[in-house]
């Protein structure tokens, strides 16, 4: 996917430069040799990304022939390039908010089995986001964040229990995600950015049960899913230092 993104950007900037050639041309028509360069770029886009831009037919913009050379209308071709550029720009913008599927290690996790589960789930979270499975993204992110924080606080459970934010009389394993987040921040194990963004995942357990989802009118859309991933990424960054 990252390779495809680079190809789209390359074609995008190539079309921008070619549009400048047409827009700066002093005449109303352009020689077929210039059109061929554009046609080559558009063919490359079609071969790599079928249907992404409209099909280009030079004859639609044919003006006249002179001395066995063909000439084409600049205004029409320039408008066509503008549409193609817009289509590529939308594709690029969408790719920027869609996480690229990549492997991420969690070396700070003490438990080996838990580490493997987190690495597997991180890949699944990205695939779920791409597939627009917003509820799955939030549930998986919430579970991953809870597992990471629990593993972190269990490394010194007495210190965690002594925090002013710790719930009284509860075993660490039974703490809610809210408790884990609040204590981790209070002990300065993670940054406060986690608290500011974590509203999207704090109630992730509730959306597992349809009844809770209906009663509490819990919503999960693309934005909530994106923020949930961002919380997980910030947590990973904080603990990887």
Protein backbone atom coordinates (compact mmCIF):
# COMPACT_ATOMS: atom_id res chain seq x y z
CA UNK A 1 0.00 0.00 0.00
CA UNK A 2 2.84 2.41 0.78
CA UNK A 3 4.32 1.68 -2.64
CA UNK A 4 0.96 2.42 -4.31
CA UNK A 5 0.72 5.70 -2.42
CA UNK A 6 4.10 6.77 -3.77
CA UNK A 7 3.03 5.90 -7.32
CA UNK A 8 -0.15 7.96 -7.01
CA UNK A 9 1.82 10.94 -5.69
CA UNK A 10 4.33 10.62 -8.52
CA UNK A 11 1.55 10.66 -11.13
CA UNK A 12 -0.20 13.48 -9.28
CA UNK A 13 2.81 15.79 -9.45
CA UNK A 14 3.56 14.73 -13.03
CA UNK A 15 0.06 15.84 -14.07
CA UNK A 16 0.43 19.14 -12.22
CA UNK A 17 3.63 19.88 -14.15
CA UNK A 18 2.06 18.85 -17.44
CA UNK A 19 -0.95 21.07 -16.80
CA UNK A 20 1.44 23.99 -16.37
CA UNK A 21 2.80 23.28 -19.86
CA UNK A 22 -0.67 23.44 -21.36
CA UNK A 23 -1.72 26.50 -19.34
CA UNK A 24 1.41 28.44 -20.33
CA UNK A 25 1.13 27.61 -24.02
CA UNK A 26 0.80 30.72 -26.19
CA UNK A 27 -1.58 29.20 -28.74
CA UNK A 28 -5.06 27.71 -28.64
CA UNK A 29 -3.83 24.37 -29.90
CA UNK A 30 -0.94 22.08 -29.05
CA UNK A 31 1.20 19.70 -31.10
CA UNK A 32 0.56 15.95 -30.82
CA UNK A 33 4.04 15.33 -29.35
CA UNK A 34 3.05 17.15 -26.16
CA UNK A 35 -0.23 15.30 -25.98
CA UNK A 36 1.64 12.00 -26.22
CA UNK A 37 3.55 12.79 -23.02
CA UNK A 38 0.26 13.36 -21.21
CA UNK A 39 -1.21 10.22 -22.73
CA UNK A 40 1.74 8.20 -21.43
CA UNK A 41 1.20 9.45 -17.88
CA UNK A 42 -2.52 8.74 -18.02
CA UNK A 43 -1.85 5.26 -19.37
CA UNK A 44 0.44 4.60 -16.42
CA UNK A 45 -2.28 5.69 -14.01
CA UNK A 46 -4.86 3.49 -15.72
CA UNK A 47 -2.54 0.47 -15.69
CA UNK A 48 -1.76 0.82 -11.98
CA UNK A 49 -5.09 2.21 -10.76
CA UNK A 50 -7.87 1.26 -13.20
CA UNK A 51 -10.78 3.68 -13.24
CA UNK A 52 -9.16 6.23 -10.94
CA UNK A 53 -9.19 8.95 -13.62
CA UNK A 54 -11.49 9.35 -16.67
CA UNK A 55 -10.45 7.61 -19.86
CA UNK A 56 -8.45 9.94 -22.09
CA UNK A 57 -9.19 9.96 -25.81
CA UNK A 58 -7.09 12.53 -27.71
CA UNK A 59 -9.59 12.59 -30.56
CA UNK A 60 -12.12 14.21 -28.23
CA UNK A 61 -9.87 17.29 -28.27
CA UNK A 62 -8.74 17.16 -31.91
CA UNK A 63 -8.51 20.57 -33.59
CA UNK A 64 -6.92 20.19 -37.03
CA UNK A 65 -4.07 18.77 -39.08
CA UNK A 66 -1.25 20.76 -40.70
CA UNK A 67 1.70 19.38 -42.65
CA UNK A 68 0.73 15.86 -41.58
CA UNK A 69 0.86 16.88 -37.90
CA UNK A 70 -2.17 16.78 -35.61
CA UNK A 71 -3.07 19.57 -33.21
CA UNK A 72 -5.37 19.45 -30.21
CA UNK A 73 -7.39 22.03 -28.26
CA UNK A 74 -5.53 23.17 -25.19
CA UNK A 75 -8.53 24.40 -23.19
CA UNK A 76 -10.30 21.04 -23.29
CA UNK A 77 -7.20 19.04 -22.42
CA UNK A 78 -6.33 21.40 -19.57
CA UNK A 79 -9.81 20.91 -18.11
CA UNK A 80 -9.43 17.15 -18.42
CA UNK A 81 -6.10 17.25 -16.57
CA UNK A 82 -7.73 19.32 -13.83
CA UNK A 83 -10.34 16.61 -13.29
CA UNK A 84 -7.67 13.89 -13.23
CA UNK A 85 -5.62 15.88 -10.70
CA UNK A 86 -8.69 16.30 -8.48
CA UNK A 87 -9.34 12.54 -8.52
CA UNK A 88 -5.74 11.83 -7.56
CA UNK A 89 -5.83 14.45 -4.81
CA UNK A 90 -8.90 12.82 -3.23
CA UNK A 91 -7.16 9.44 -3.33
CA UNK A 92 -4.05 10.90 -1.71
CA UNK A 93 -6.05 12.65 1.02
CA UNK A 94 -7.94 9.44 1.80
CA UNK A 95 -4.66 7.51 2.08
CA UNK A 96 -3.31 10.08 4.55
CA UNK A 97 -6.10 9.39 7.06
CA UNK A 98 -6.06 5.68 6.49
CA UNK A 99 -3.37 3.86 8.45
CA UNK A 100 -0.88 1.93 6.33
CA UNK A 101 -0.84 -1.69 7.43
CA UNK A 102 2.47 -2.23 9.13
CA UNK A 103 4.00 -4.45 11.75
CA UNK A 104 4.59 -2.85 15.13
CA UNK A 105 6.62 -4.39 17.92
CA UNK A 106 5.87 -3.98 21.63
CA UNK A 107 9.27 -4.62 23.27
CA UNK A 108 8.20 -2.94 26.52
CA UNK A 109 5.64 -5.69 27.25
CA UNK A 110 7.02 -8.12 29.84
CA UNK A 111 4.71 -11.05 29.10
CA UNK A 112 5.82 -12.82 25.90
CA UNK A 113 2.40 -14.24 25.06
CA UNK A 114 0.73 -10.88 25.61
CA UNK A 115 3.32 -9.24 23.35
CA UNK A 116 2.48 -11.64 20.52
CA UNK A 117 -1.25 -10.99 20.94
CA UNK A 118 -0.73 -7.20 20.83
CA UNK A 119 1.40 -7.43 17.69
CA UNK A 120 -1.28 -9.55 16.02
CA UNK A 121 -4.10 -7.27 17.14
CA UNK A 122 -2.30 -4.13 15.97
CA UNK A 123 -2.25 -5.47 12.42
CA UNK A 124 -5.91 -6.47 12.71
CA UNK A 125 -6.84 -2.98 13.94
CA UNK A 126 -5.39 -1.43 10.80
CA UNK A 127 -7.19 -3.89 8.53
CA UNK A 128 -10.45 -3.25 10.36
CA UNK A 129 -10.04 0.50 9.89
CA UNK A 130 -9.41 0.09 6.17
CA UNK A 131 -12.53 -2.12 5.99
CA UNK A 132 -14.49 0.62 7.85
CA UNK A 133 -15.32 -1.73 10.75
CA UNK A 134 -15.43 1.12 13.27
CA UNK A 135 -16.84 -0.87 16.20
CA UNK A 136 -14.18 -3.56 15.80
CA UNK A 137 -11.44 -0.92 15.74
CA UNK A 138 -12.60 0.65 19.01
CA UNK A 139 -13.02 -2.69 20.79
CA UNK A 140 -9.59 -3.94 19.68
CA UNK A 141 -7.92 -0.62 20.55
CA UNK A 142 -9.58 -0.54 23.97
CA UNK A 143 -8.50 -4.09 24.70
CA UNK A 144 -4.93 -3.40 23.55
CA UNK A 145 -4.65 -0.20 25.60
CA UNK A 146 -6.00 -1.96 28.69
CA UNK A 147 -3.56 -4.86 28.28
CA UNK A 148 -0.59 -2.51 27.82
CA UNK A 149 -1.43 -0.40 30.87
CA UNK A 150 -2.15 -3.43 33.04
CA UNK A 151 1.20 -4.99 32.10
CA UNK A 152 2.89 -1.65 32.82
CA UNK A 153 1.33 -1.13 36.25
CA UNK A 154 1.82 -4.75 37.33
CA UNK A 155 5.57 -4.19 37.04
CA UNK A 156 5.23 -2.23 40.31
CA UNK A 157 1.74 -2.96 41.57
CA UNK A 158 2.37 -1.56 45.06
CA UNK A 159 3.28 1.81 43.62
CA UNK A 160 0.22 1.69 41.38
CA UNK A 161 -2.07 0.91 44.33
CA UNK A 162 -0.58 3.80 46.33
CA UNK A 163 -1.57 6.33 43.66
CA UNK A 164 -4.24 8.84 44.67
CA UNK A 165 -6.14 7.84 41.53
CA UNK A 166 -6.20 4.14 42.43
CA UNK A 167 -9.60 2.65 43.37
CA UNK A 168 -9.77 1.40 46.96
CA UNK A 169 -9.82 -2.30 47.74
CA UNK A 170 -9.63 -3.56 44.19
CA UNK A 171 -7.14 -6.01 42.77
CA UNK A 172 -5.19 -4.40 39.94
CA UNK A 173 -6.46 -6.99 37.48
CA UNK A 174 -10.03 -5.88 38.19
CA UNK A 175 -9.40 -2.19 37.55
CA UNK A 176 -11.36 -0.53 34.78
CA UNK A 177 -9.65 1.09 31.81
CA UNK A 178 -10.47 4.45 33.40
CA UNK A 179 -8.57 3.44 36.53
CA UNK A 180 -5.58 2.19 34.56
CA UNK A 181 -5.38 5.38 32.49
CA UNK A 182 -5.76 7.70 35.48
CA UNK A 183 -3.11 5.92 37.56
CA UNK A 184 -0.63 5.65 34.67
CA UNK A 185 -0.94 9.39 34.13
CA UNK A 186 -0.73 10.15 37.87
CA UNK A 187 2.51 8.17 38.08
CA UNK A 188 3.75 9.96 34.95
CA UNK A 189 4.24 6.69 33.12
CA UNK A 190 2.40 8.08 30.09
CA UNK A 191 1.63 11.59 28.88
CA UNK A 192 -1.61 13.45 29.53
CA UNK A 193 -2.37 13.23 25.82
CA UNK A 194 -3.76 9.79 26.58
CA UNK A 195 -6.37 11.30 28.91
CA UNK A 196 -7.38 14.01 26.46
CA UNK A 197 -8.08 11.58 23.64
CA UNK A 198 -9.10 8.44 25.48
CA UNK A 199 -12.85 9.20 25.65
CA UNK A 200 -13.25 7.14 22.48
CA UNK A 201 -12.01 3.96 24.15
CA UNK A 202 -12.78 4.33 27.87
CA UNK A 203 -16.20 2.70 27.45
CA UNK A 204 -15.08 0.13 24.89
CA UNK A 205 -16.32 -2.76 27.07
CA UNK A 206 -19.86 -1.38 26.96
CA UNK A 207 -20.13 -1.56 23.19
CA UNK A 208 -19.39 -5.30 23.24
CA UNK A 209 -22.92 -5.81 24.56
CA UNK A 210 -25.72 -4.63 22.22
CA UNK A 211 -27.96 -3.83 25.19
CA UNK A 212 -25.48 -1.33 26.59
CA UNK A 213 -24.97 0.14 23.16
CA UNK A 214 -28.71 0.79 22.81
CA UNK A 215 -29.32 2.04 26.36
CA UNK A 216 -26.33 4.38 26.44
CA UNK A 217 -26.70 5.47 22.80
CA UNK A 218 -23.02 4.79 22.21
CA UNK A 219 -21.78 5.98 18.83
CA UNK A 220 -18.75 4.79 16.95
CA UNK A 221 -17.87 6.25 13.59
CA UNK A 222 -14.72 6.86 11.60
CA UNK A 223 -13.57 9.77 13.77
CA UNK A 224 -13.90 7.82 17.02
CA UNK A 225 -12.03 4.91 15.47
CA UNK A 226 -9.25 7.17 14.21
CA UNK A 227 -8.84 8.71 17.68
CA UNK A 228 -8.78 5.25 19.30
CA UNK A 229 -5.87 4.28 17.05
CA UNK A 230 -4.13 7.56 17.86
CA UNK A 231 -4.39 6.84 21.60
CA UNK A 232 -2.81 3.43 21.04
CA UNK A 233 -0.03 4.99 18.95
CA UNK A 234 0.69 7.66 21.58
CA UNK A 235 0.85 4.99 24.26
CA UNK A 236 3.23 2.95 22.14
CA UNK A 237 5.38 6.05 21.59
CA UNK A 238 5.48 6.93 25.29
CA UNK A 239 6.53 3.47 26.35
CA UNK A 240 9.05 2.94 23.57
CA UNK A 241 11.27 5.81 24.71
